[in-house]
Amino acid sequence: MDEKTLEKLLKDQQDEITAHHIYKKLAEAVKDEANRRIVLQVADDELSHYKRLRQVTGKELKPEKLKVILSNWMIRIFGLTFGIKFLEQSEGKAVKSYREIDESLTFMDKIIEDEERHEEELIAMIDEEKLNYIGSVVLGLNDALVELTGALAGYTFAFQNTRLIALTGLITGISASLSMAASEYLSTRQEGGDDALKSALYTGSAYVFTVIFLILPFLLIQNPFISLVASLVVAVLIIFIFNYYISVAKDYDFKRRFGEMAAISLGVAGISFLIGVLVKQFIGIEV
């Protein structure tokens, strides 16, 4: 066996023992007994792959503890669905990796078969309530980002007082969140949905969450223009985290969705800031 192939096998062997421990941790978060059995079976398969590779490399490897810990916390924070889909992507990479060396190591066929089965089983497991209401979350998040970044940009130049900007933004945001939640409730009821209240709660909660984080810089920083820049950075971070979550959990195109949301939010903020400049310049109202 050449050195390059051995190095690749050792990396795959390391990934297998690490994945074994990640799946065992994941099983602890799965409430459904049938799903838990599937995850534990996947964990056992990963251990079997590790032992098979160990026979070839002749080396004993330990799991990457930091990766196991980070994966466990990621699942706790972002939910089981995200964790499953994230690990499923790793399984896909493993299949590709094994196929690259399959010609020289025929026993890898069984591992490839297992890895492909894992993907199907993991995808079939996914059924998480919050993803059923992702449309409501997107509605609340998008509206808050677009409306409030624009409003805060306009208020910044018009008022130039961080406390006043924060207070005005908070009143605007809470009022808008209640309006959005009510609209979502009525819309869902009109369409005959039985979960109108939950849809409204998800929409309103997403809106309020976004409002709080966008206003926070104006409460912590004295300079209104620096506060605005910080608020826009927070907006981009929210867009980034949310779209990464959705791209993994729902197999969406991350770059396109992130670019679209960021461009709209920042574009509206820029236009609103310009409106604030014009209002202050031509109307001449001083606060």
C-alpha atoms as a PDB file:
ATOM      1  CA  MET A   1       0.000   0.000   0.000  1.00  0.00           C
ATOM      2  CA  ASP A   2       1.452   3.385  -0.991  1.00  0.00           C
ATOM      3  CA  GLU A   3       1.857   6.169   1.559  1.00  0.00           C
ATOM      4  CA  LYS A   4      -0.886   8.355   0.043  1.00  0.00           C
ATOM      5  CA  THR A   5      -3.482   5.561   0.277  1.00  0.00           C
ATOM      6  CA  LEU A   6      -2.448   4.776   3.865  1.00  0.00           C
ATOM      7  CA  GLU A   7      -2.765   8.427   4.825  1.00  0.00           C
ATOM      8  CA  LYS A   8      -6.257   8.557   3.312  1.00  0.00           C
ATOM      9  CA  LEU A   9      -7.325   5.383   5.095  1.00  0.00           C
ATOM     10  CA  LEU A  10      -6.063   6.711   8.432  1.00  0.00           C
ATOM     11  CA  LYS A  11      -8.106   9.868   7.956  1.00  0.00           C
ATOM     12  CA  ASP A  12     -11.209   7.813   7.117  1.00  0.00           C
ATOM     13  CA  GLN A  13     -10.511   5.554  10.085  1.00  0.00           C
ATOM     14  CA  GLN A  14     -10.326   8.623  12.356  1.00  0.00           C
ATOM     15  CA  ASP A  15     -13.613   9.914  10.924  1.00  0.00           C
ATOM     16  CA  GLU A  16     -15.311   6.552  11.532  1.00  0.00           C
ATOM     17  CA  ILE A  17     -14.436   6.323  15.240  1.00  0.00           C
ATOM     18  CA  THR A  18     -15.362   9.981  15.710  1.00  0.00           C
ATOM     19  CA  ALA A  19     -18.685   9.445  13.918  1.00  0.00           C
ATOM     20  CA  HIS A  20     -19.345   6.399  16.122  1.00  0.00           C
ATOM     21  CA  HIS A  21     -19.176   8.556  19.251  1.00  0.00           C
ATOM     22  CA  ILE A  22     -21.170  11.404  17.671  1.00  0.00           C
ATOM     23  CA  TYR A  23     -24.012   9.050  16.725  1.00  0.00           C
ATOM     24  CA  LYS A  24     -24.033   7.535  20.216  1.00  0.00           C
ATOM     25  CA  LYS A  25     -24.452  11.044  21.646  1.00  0.00           C
ATOM     26  CA  LEU A  26     -27.112  11.811  19.053  1.00  0.00           C
ATOM     27  CA  ALA A  27     -29.099   8.742  20.116  1.00  0.00           C
ATOM     28  CA  GLU A  28     -29.461  10.254  23.588  1.00  0.00           C
ATOM     29  CA  ALA A  29     -31.404  13.191  22.094  1.00  0.00           C
ATOM     30  CA  VAL A  30     -33.800  11.017  20.056  1.00  0.00           C
ATOM     31  CA  LYS A  31     -37.087  10.447  21.889  1.00  0.00           C
ATOM     32  CA  ASP A  32     -38.700   8.057  19.410  1.00  0.00           C
ATOM     33  CA  GLU A  33     -37.586   4.504  20.227  1.00  0.00           C
ATOM     34  CA  ALA A  34     -37.542   3.309  16.612  1.00  0.00           C
ATOM     35  CA  ASN A  35     -35.434   6.283  15.542  1.00  0.00           C
ATOM     36  CA  ARG A  36     -33.087   5.757  18.495  1.00  0.00           C
ATOM     37  CA  ARG A  37     -32.505   2.161  17.382  1.00  0.00           C
ATOM     38  CA  ILE A  38     -31.618   3.375  13.883  1.00  0.00           C
ATOM     39  CA  VAL A  39     -29.094   5.893  15.200  1.00  0.00           C
ATOM     40  CA  LEU A  40     -27.543   3.289  17.504  1.00  0.00           C
ATOM     41  CA  GLN A  41     -27.309   0.869  14.569  1.00  0.00           C
ATOM     42  CA  VAL A  42     -25.543   3.551  12.553  1.00  0.00           C
ATOM     43  CA  ALA A  43     -23.160   4.063  15.493  1.00  0.00           C
ATOM     44  CA  ASP A  44     -22.441   0.321  15.567  1.00  0.00           C
ATOM     45  CA  ASP A  45     -21.832   0.301  11.807  1.00  0.00           C
ATOM     46  CA  GLU A  46     -19.371   3.170  12.125  1.00  0.00           C
ATOM     47  CA  LEU A  47     -17.511   1.213  14.807  1.00  0.00           C
ATOM     48  CA  SER A  48     -17.490  -1.833  12.520  1.00  0.00           C
ATOM     49  CA  HIS A  49     -16.001   0.288   9.724  1.00  0.00           C
ATOM     50  CA  TYR A  50     -13.372   1.585  12.107  1.00  0.00           C
ATOM     51  CA  LYS A  51     -12.361  -1.956  13.109  1.00  0.00           C
ATOM     52  CA  ARG A  52     -12.238  -3.025   9.457  1.00  0.00           C
ATOM     53  CA  LEU A  53      -9.967  -0.115   8.585  1.00  0.00           C
ATOM     54  CA  ARG A  54      -7.842  -0.802  11.657  1.00  0.00           C
ATOM     55  CA  GLN A  55      -7.120  -4.282  10.294  1.00  0.00           C
ATOM     56  CA  VAL A  56      -5.737  -2.667   7.147  1.00  0.00           C
ATOM     57  CA  THR A  57      -3.761   0.193   8.731  1.00  0.00           C
ATOM     58  CA  GLY A  58      -2.683  -1.705  11.847  1.00  0.00           C
ATOM     59  CA  LYS A  59      -3.135   1.443  13.959  1.00  0.00           C
ATOM     60  CA  GLU A  60      -5.397   2.228  16.915  1.00  0.00           C
ATOM     61  CA  LEU A  61      -6.957   5.697  16.807  1.00  0.00           C
ATOM     62  CA  LYS A  62      -9.022   7.664  19.301  1.00  0.00           C
ATOM     63  CA  PRO A  63     -12.057   9.848  18.500  1.00  0.00           C
ATOM     64  CA  GLU A  64     -11.615  13.581  18.072  1.00  0.00           C
ATOM     65  CA  LYS A  65     -13.111  14.656  21.405  1.00  0.00           C
ATOM     66  CA  LEU A  66     -13.493  18.313  20.457  1.00  0.00           C
ATOM     67  CA  LYS A  67     -15.437  17.379  17.323  1.00  0.00           C
ATOM     68  CA  VAL A  68     -17.717  15.077  19.362  1.00  0.00           C
ATOM     69  CA  ILE A  69     -18.360  17.819  21.948  1.00  0.00           C
ATOM     70  CA  LEU A  70     -18.973  20.519  19.320  1.00  0.00           C
ATOM     71  CA  SER A  71     -21.333  18.251  17.353  1.00  0.00           C
ATOM     72  CA  ASN A  72     -23.266  17.456  20.529  1.00  0.00           C
ATOM     73  CA  TRP A  73     -23.686  21.133  21.402  1.00  0.00           C
ATOM     74  CA  MET A  74     -24.573  21.971  17.808  1.00  0.00           C
ATOM     75  CA  ILE A  75     -27.406  19.438  17.962  1.00  0.00           C
ATOM     76  CA  ARG A  76     -28.594  20.773  21.324  1.00  0.00           C
ATOM     77  CA  ILE A  77     -28.646  24.355  20.018  1.00  0.00           C
ATOM     78  CA  PHE A  78     -29.960  23.867  16.480  1.00  0.00           C
ATOM     79  CA  GLY A  79     -32.082  20.777  17.052  1.00  0.00           C
ATOM     80  CA  LEU A  80     -32.125  17.146  16.070  1.00  0.00           C
ATOM     81  CA  THR A  81     -33.091  17.752  12.450  1.00  0.00           C
ATOM     82  CA  PHE A  82     -30.141  20.045  11.820  1.00  0.00           C
ATOM     83  CA  GLY A  83     -27.809  17.587  13.549  1.00  0.00           C
ATOM     84  CA  ILE A  84     -29.065  14.666  11.492  1.00  0.00           C
ATOM     85  CA  LYS A  85     -28.786  16.529   8.191  1.00  0.00           C
ATOM     86  CA  PHE A  86     -25.342  17.839   9.079  1.00  0.00           C
ATOM     87  CA  LEU A  87     -24.132  14.318   9.853  1.00  0.00           C
ATOM     88  CA  GLU A  88     -25.842  13.023   6.722  1.00  0.00           C
ATOM     89  CA  GLN A  89     -23.683  15.407   4.695  1.00  0.00           C
ATOM     90  CA  SER A  90     -20.617  13.883   6.340  1.00  0.00           C
ATOM     91  CA  GLU A  91     -21.889  10.439   5.374  1.00  0.00           C
ATOM     92  CA  GLY A  92     -22.092  11.621   1.760  1.00  0.00           C
ATOM     93  CA  LYS A  93     -18.473  12.746   1.902  1.00  0.00           C
ATOM     94  CA  ALA A  94     -17.487   9.348   3.302  1.00  0.00           C
ATOM     95  CA  VAL A  95     -19.112   7.579   0.354  1.00  0.00           C
ATOM     96  CA  LYS A  96     -17.175   9.775  -2.073  1.00  0.00           C
ATOM     97  CA  SER A  97     -13.967   9.179  -0.131  1.00  0.00           C
ATOM     98  CA  TYR A  98     -14.361   5.394  -0.163  1.00  0.00           C
ATOM     99  CA  ARG A  99     -15.212   5.297  -3.849  1.00  0.00           C
ATOM    100  CA  GLU A 100     -11.950   7.044  -4.678  1.00  0.00           C
ATOM    101  CA  ILE A 101      -9.983   4.123  -3.216  1.00  0.00           C
ATOM    102  CA  ASP A 102     -12.472   1.335  -3.877  1.00  0.00           C
ATOM    103  CA  GLU A 103     -10.613  -0.016  -6.924  1.00  0.00           C
ATOM    104  CA  SER A 104      -7.619  -1.044  -4.830  1.00  0.00           C
ATOM    105  CA  LEU A 105      -9.584  -2.170  -1.748  1.00  0.00           C
ATOM    106  CA  THR A 106     -12.559  -4.311  -2.764  1.00  0.00           C
ATOM    107  CA  PHE A 107     -13.755  -4.871   0.833  1.00  0.00           C
ATOM    108  CA  MET A 108     -14.803  -1.208   0.876  1.00  0.00           C
ATOM    109  CA  ASP A 109     -17.927  -2.112  -1.139  1.00  0.00           C
ATOM    110  CA  LYS A 110     -19.725  -3.118   2.070  1.00  0.00           C
ATOM    111  CA  ILE A 111     -18.768   0.151   3.742  1.00  0.00           C
ATOM    112  CA  ILE A 112     -20.092   2.131   0.770  1.00  0.00           C
ATOM    113  CA  GLU A 113     -23.345   0.175   0.936  1.00  0.00           C
ATOM    114  CA  ASP A 114     -23.662   0.947   4.660  1.00  0.00           C
ATOM    115  CA  GLU A 115     -22.902   4.633   4.196  1.00  0.00           C
ATOM    116  CA  GLU A 116     -25.569   4.991   1.484  1.00  0.00           C
ATOM    117  CA  ARG A 117     -28.104   3.193   3.681  1.00  0.00           C
ATOM    118  CA  HIS A 118     -27.266   5.559   6.544  1.00  0.00           C
ATOM    119  CA  GLU A 119     -28.171   8.567   4.405  1.00  0.00           C
ATOM    120  CA  GLU A 120     -31.592   7.129   3.547  1.00  0.00           C
ATOM    121  CA  GLU A 121     -32.347   6.088   7.122  1.00  0.00           C
ATOM    122  CA  LEU A 122     -31.276   9.412   8.591  1.00  0.00           C
ATOM    123  CA  ILE A 123     -33.345  11.410   6.107  1.00  0.00           C
ATOM    124  CA  ALA A 124     -36.393   9.215   6.802  1.00  0.00           C
ATOM    125  CA  MET A 125     -36.103  10.009  10.539  1.00  0.00           C
ATOM    126  CA  ILE A 126     -36.539  13.723  10.197  1.00  0.00           C
ATOM    127  CA  ASP A 127     -39.797  15.040  11.628  1.00  0.00           C
ATOM    128  CA  GLU A 128     -39.356  18.085  13.872  1.00  0.00           C
ATOM    129  CA  GLU A 129     -42.177  20.481  14.699  1.00  0.00           C
ATOM    130  CA  LYS A 130     -40.268  23.710  14.249  1.00  0.00           C
ATOM    131  CA  LEU A 131     -39.365  22.807  10.668  1.00  0.00           C
ATOM    132  CA  ASN A 132     -43.064  22.408   9.899  1.00  0.00           C
ATOM    133  CA  TYR A 133     -43.425  26.086  10.748  1.00  0.00           C
ATOM    134  CA  ILE A 134     -40.297  27.279   8.994  1.00  0.00           C
ATOM    135  CA  GLY A 135     -42.417  29.349   6.611  1.00  0.00           C
ATOM    136  CA  SER A 136     -43.796  31.312   9.574  1.00  0.00           C
ATOM    137  CA  VAL A 137     -40.288  31.806  10.980  1.00  0.00           C
ATOM    138  CA  VAL A 138     -39.029  33.035   7.593  1.00  0.00           C
ATOM    139  CA  LEU A 139     -41.945  35.469   7.385  1.00  0.00           C
ATOM    140  CA  GLY A 140     -41.235  36.971  10.810  1.00  0.00           C
ATOM    141  CA  LEU A 141     -37.468  37.045  10.343  1.00  0.00           C
ATOM    142  CA  ASN A 142     -37.533  38.559   6.863  1.00  0.00           C
ATOM    143  CA  ASP A 143     -40.020  41.264   7.775  1.00  0.00           C
ATOM    144  CA  ALA A 144     -38.125  42.209  10.942  1.00  0.00           C
ATOM    145  CA  LEU A 145     -34.794  42.379   9.131  1.00  0.00           C
ATOM    146  CA  VAL A 146     -36.104  44.405   6.213  1.00  0.00           C
ATOM    147  CA  GLU A 147     -38.418  46.750   8.134  1.00  0.00           C
ATOM    148  CA  LEU A 148     -36.322  47.349  11.231  1.00  0.00           C
ATOM    149  CA  THR A 149     -32.917  47.736   9.575  1.00  0.00           C
ATOM    150  CA  GLY A 150     -34.545  50.289   7.309  1.00  0.00           C
ATOM    151  CA  ALA A 151     -36.306  52.035  10.194  1.00  0.00           C
ATOM    152  CA  LEU A 152     -33.173  52.120  12.377  1.00  0.00           C
ATOM    153  CA  ALA A 153     -31.124  53.547   9.507  1.00  0.00           C
ATOM    154  CA  GLY A 154     -33.692  56.310   9.007  1.00  0.00           C
ATOM    155  CA  TYR A 155     -33.982  57.025  12.729  1.00  0.00           C
ATOM    156  CA  THR A 156     -30.197  57.175  13.101  1.00  0.00           C
ATOM    157  CA  PHE A 157     -29.758  60.180  10.865  1.00  0.00           C
ATOM    158  CA  ALA A 158     -33.060  61.804  11.814  1.00  0.00           C
ATOM    159  CA  PHE A 159     -32.583  61.557  15.618  1.00  0.00           C
ATOM    160  CA  GLN A 160     -28.840  60.950  16.204  1.00  0.00           C
ATOM    161  CA  ASN A 161     -29.644  59.893  19.768  1.00  0.00           C
ATOM    162  CA  THR A 162     -29.054  56.222  20.596  1.00  0.00           C
ATOM    163  CA  ARG A 163     -31.611  56.038  23.444  1.00  0.00           C
ATOM    164  CA  LEU A 164     -34.309  57.674  21.354  1.00  0.00           C
ATOM    165  CA  ILE A 165     -33.474  55.455  18.364  1.00  0.00           C
ATOM    166  CA  ALA A 166     -33.620  52.332  20.551  1.00  0.00           C
ATOM    167  CA  LEU A 167     -36.934  53.362  22.142  1.00  0.00           C
ATOM    168  CA  THR A 168     -38.523  54.255  18.807  1.00  0.00           C
ATOM    169  CA  GLY A 169     -37.183  51.067  17.204  1.00  0.00           C
ATOM    170  CA  LEU A 170     -38.482  48.945  20.081  1.00  0.00           C
ATOM    171  CA  ILE A 171     -41.981  50.449  19.858  1.00  0.00           C
ATOM    172  CA  THR A 172     -41.938  50.041  16.074  1.00  0.00           C
ATOM    173  CA  GLY A 173     -40.678  46.460  16.320  1.00  0.00           C
ATOM    174  CA  ILE A 174     -43.110  45.245  18.986  1.00  0.00           C
ATOM    175  CA  SER A 175     -46.060  46.843  17.212  1.00  0.00           C
ATOM    176  CA  ALA A 176     -44.993  45.294  13.913  1.00  0.00           C
ATOM    177  CA  SER A 177     -44.475  41.859  15.516  1.00  0.00           C
ATOM    178  CA  LEU A 178     -48.006  41.884  16.933  1.00  0.00           C
ATOM    179  CA  SER A 179     -49.343  42.979  13.560  1.00  0.00           C
ATOM    180  CA  MET A 180     -47.400  40.243  11.753  1.00  0.00           C
ATOM    181  CA  ALA A 181     -48.519  37.563  14.210  1.00  0.00           C
ATOM    182  CA  ALA A 182     -52.158  38.630  13.843  1.00  0.00           C
ATOM    183  CA  SER A 183     -51.878  38.653  10.045  1.00  0.00           C
ATOM    184  CA  GLU A 184     -50.315  35.170  10.032  1.00  0.00           C
ATOM    185  CA  TYR A 185     -53.089  33.881  12.330  1.00  0.00           C
ATOM    186  CA  LEU A 186     -55.854  35.269  10.113  1.00  0.00           C
ATOM    187  CA  SER A 187     -54.117  34.096   6.927  1.00  0.00           C
ATOM    188  CA  THR A 188     -53.679  30.541   8.235  1.00  0.00           C
ATOM    189  CA  ARG A 189     -57.285  30.430   9.489  1.00  0.00           C
ATOM    190  CA  GLN A 190     -58.506  31.691   6.117  1.00  0.00           C
ATOM    191  CA  GLU A 191     -56.631  28.849   4.402  1.00  0.00           C
ATOM    192  CA  GLY A 192     -58.315  26.336   6.698  1.00  0.00           C
ATOM    193  CA  GLY A 193     -55.249  25.501   8.787  1.00  0.00           C
ATOM    194  CA  ASP A 194     -55.770  24.023  12.245  1.00  0.00           C
ATOM    195  CA  ASP A 195     -52.446  25.343  13.535  1.00  0.00           C
ATOM    196  CA  ALA A 196     -53.098  29.065  13.068  1.00  0.00           C
ATOM    197  CA  LEU A 197     -52.136  29.929  16.651  1.00  0.00           C
ATOM    198  CA  LYS A 198     -48.801  28.096  16.449  1.00  0.00           C
ATOM    199  CA  SER A 199     -48.012  29.724  13.099  1.00  0.00           C
ATOM    200  CA  ALA A 200     -48.744  33.137  14.613  1.00  0.00           C
ATOM    201  CA  LEU A 201     -46.547  32.411  17.640  1.00  0.00           C
ATOM    202  CA  TYR A 202     -43.616  31.306  15.465  1.00  0.00           C
ATOM    203  CA  THR A 203     -43.953  34.416  13.267  1.00  0.00           C
ATOM    204  CA  GLY A 204     -44.240  36.811  16.215  1.00  0.00           C
ATOM    205  CA  SER A 205     -41.416  35.139  18.167  1.00  0.00           C
ATOM    206  CA  ALA A 206     -39.040  35.292  15.195  1.00  0.00           C
ATOM    207  CA  TYR A 207     -39.880  38.969  14.746  1.00  0.00           C
ATOM    208  CA  VAL A 208     -39.369  39.877  18.425  1.00  0.00           C
ATOM    209  CA  PHE A 209     -36.113  37.890  18.615  1.00  0.00           C
ATOM    210  CA  THR A 210     -34.750  39.810  15.618  1.00  0.00           C
ATOM    211  CA  VAL A 211     -35.928  43.173  16.977  1.00  0.00           C
ATOM    212  CA  ILE A 212     -34.121  42.657  20.310  1.00  0.00           C
ATOM    213  CA  PHE A 213     -30.799  41.797  18.689  1.00  0.00           C
ATOM    214  CA  LEU A 214     -30.983  44.650  16.161  1.00  0.00           C
ATOM    215  CA  ILE A 215     -31.719  47.249  18.850  1.00  0.00           C
ATOM    216  CA  LEU A 216     -29.119  45.978  21.324  1.00  0.00           C
ATOM    217  CA  PRO A 217     -26.169  47.925  19.796  1.00  0.00           C
ATOM    218  CA  PHE A 218     -28.034  51.210  20.347  1.00  0.00           C
ATOM    219  CA  LEU A 219     -28.308  50.396  24.054  1.00  0.00           C
ATOM    220  CA  LEU A 220     -24.654  49.425  24.412  1.00  0.00           C
ATOM    221  CA  ILE A 221     -22.887  51.987  22.180  1.00  0.00           C
ATOM    222  CA  GLN A 222     -23.145  55.772  22.555  1.00  0.00           C
ATOM    223  CA  ASN A 223     -22.292  56.798  18.996  1.00  0.00           C
ATOM    224  CA  PRO A 224     -25.458  56.374  16.856  1.00  0.00           C
ATOM    225  CA  PHE A 225     -23.570  55.777  13.590  1.00  0.00           C
ATOM    226  CA  ILE A 226     -21.311  53.118  15.098  1.00  0.00           C
ATOM    227  CA  SER A 227     -24.444  51.590  16.642  1.00  0.00           C
ATOM    228  CA  LEU A 228     -26.056  51.468  13.194  1.00  0.00           C
ATOM    229  CA  VAL A 229     -23.021  49.746  11.686  1.00  0.00           C
ATOM    230  CA  ALA A 230     -23.024  47.223  14.569  1.00  0.00           C
ATOM    231  CA  SER A 231     -26.759  46.642  14.078  1.00  0.00           C
ATOM    232  CA  LEU A 232     -26.245  45.961  10.371  1.00  0.00           C
ATOM    233  CA  VAL A 233     -23.424  43.527  11.209  1.00  0.00           C
ATOM    234  CA  VAL A 234     -25.815  41.764  13.610  1.00  0.00           C
ATOM    235  CA  ALA A 235     -28.431  41.634  10.838  1.00  0.00           C
ATOM    236  CA  VAL A 236     -25.949  39.995   8.452  1.00  0.00           C
ATOM    237  CA  LEU A 237     -24.951  37.486  11.176  1.00  0.00           C
ATOM    238  CA  ILE A 238     -28.601  36.590  11.794  1.00  0.00           C
ATOM    239  CA  ILE A 239     -29.121  36.128   8.057  1.00  0.00           C
ATOM    240  CA  PHE A 240     -25.971  33.995   7.840  1.00  0.00           C
ATOM    241  CA  ILE A 241     -26.834  31.712  10.790  1.00  0.00           C
ATOM    242  CA  PHE A 242     -30.477  31.295   9.791  1.00  0.00           C
ATOM    243  CA  ASN A 243     -29.730  30.540   6.149  1.00  0.00           C
ATOM    244  CA  TYR A 244     -26.981  28.103   7.053  1.00  0.00           C
ATOM    245  CA  TYR A 245     -29.430  26.317   9.339  1.00  0.00           C
ATOM    246  CA  ILE A 246     -32.082  26.165   6.608  1.00  0.00           C
ATOM    247  CA  SER A 247     -29.602  25.132   3.909  1.00  0.00           C
ATOM    248  CA  VAL A 248     -28.560  22.125   6.004  1.00  0.00           C
ATOM    249  CA  ALA A 249     -31.987  21.175   7.381  1.00  0.00           C
ATOM    250  CA  LYS A 250     -33.917  21.709   4.130  1.00  0.00           C
ATOM    251  CA  ASP A 251     -31.210  21.229   1.448  1.00  0.00           C
ATOM    252  CA  TYR A 252     -31.592  24.800   0.180  1.00  0.00           C
ATOM    253  CA  ASP A 253     -28.995  26.782  -1.750  1.00  0.00           C
ATOM    254  CA  PHE A 254     -27.171  28.677   1.020  1.00  0.00           C
ATOM    255  CA  LYS A 255     -25.256  31.196  -1.105  1.00  0.00           C
ATOM    256  CA  ARG A 256     -28.260  32.293  -3.143  1.00  0.00           C
ATOM    257  CA  ARG A 257     -30.608  32.672  -0.150  1.00  0.00           C
ATOM    258  CA  PHE A 258     -27.994  34.406   2.011  1.00  0.00           C
ATOM    259  CA  GLY A 259     -27.044  36.824  -0.765  1.00  0.00           C
ATOM    260  CA  GLU A 260     -30.689  37.599  -1.521  1.00  0.00           C
ATOM    261  CA  MET A 261     -31.691  38.288   2.104  1.00  0.00           C
ATOM    262  CA  ALA A 262     -28.545  40.304   2.865  1.00  0.00           C
ATOM    263  CA  ALA A 263     -28.901  42.412  -0.287  1.00  0.00           C
ATOM    264  CA  ILE A 264     -32.564  43.207   0.421  1.00  0.00           C
ATOM    265  CA  SER A 265     -32.012  44.072   4.109  1.00  0.00           C
ATOM    266  CA  LEU A 266     -28.921  46.215   3.508  1.00  0.00           C
ATOM    267  CA  GLY A 267     -30.468  47.789   0.411  1.00  0.00           C
ATOM    268  CA  VAL A 268     -33.583  48.871   2.307  1.00  0.00           C
ATOM    269  CA  ALA A 269     -31.376  50.159   5.154  1.00  0.00           C
ATOM    270  CA  GLY A 270     -29.373  52.250   2.682  1.00  0.00           C
ATOM    271  CA  ILE A 271     -32.505  53.726   1.074  1.00  0.00           C
ATOM    272  CA  SER A 272     -34.021  54.485   4.501  1.00  0.00           C
ATOM    273  CA  PHE A 273     -30.811  56.159   5.658  1.00  0.00           C
ATOM    274  CA  LEU A 274     -30.930  58.367   2.555  1.00  0.00           C
ATOM    275  CA  ILE A 275     -34.570  59.232   3.291  1.00  0.00           C
ATOM    276  CA  GLY A 276     -33.544  60.204   6.837  1.00  0.00           C
ATOM    277  CA  VAL A 277     -30.842  62.484   5.419  1.00  0.00           C
ATOM    278  CA  LEU A 278     -33.297  64.150   3.023  1.00  0.00           C
ATOM    279  CA  VAL A 279     -35.977  64.592   5.681  1.00  0.00           C
ATOM    280  CA  LYS A 280     -33.536  66.245   8.076  1.00  0.00           C
ATOM    281  CA  GLN A 281     -32.020  68.363   5.305  1.00  0.00           C
ATOM    282  CA  PHE A 282     -35.164  69.694   3.622  1.00  0.00           C
ATOM    283  CA  ILE A 283     -37.780  69.614   6.372  1.00  0.00           C
ATOM    284  CA  GLY A 284     -35.290  70.848   8.953  1.00  0.00           C
ATOM    285  CA  ILE A 285     -36.797  69.123  12.005  1.00  0.00           C
ATOM    286  CA  GLU A 286     -34.338  68.892  14.899  1.00  0.00           C
ATOM    287  CA  VAL A 287     -34.827  66.337  17.698  1.00  0.00           C
END
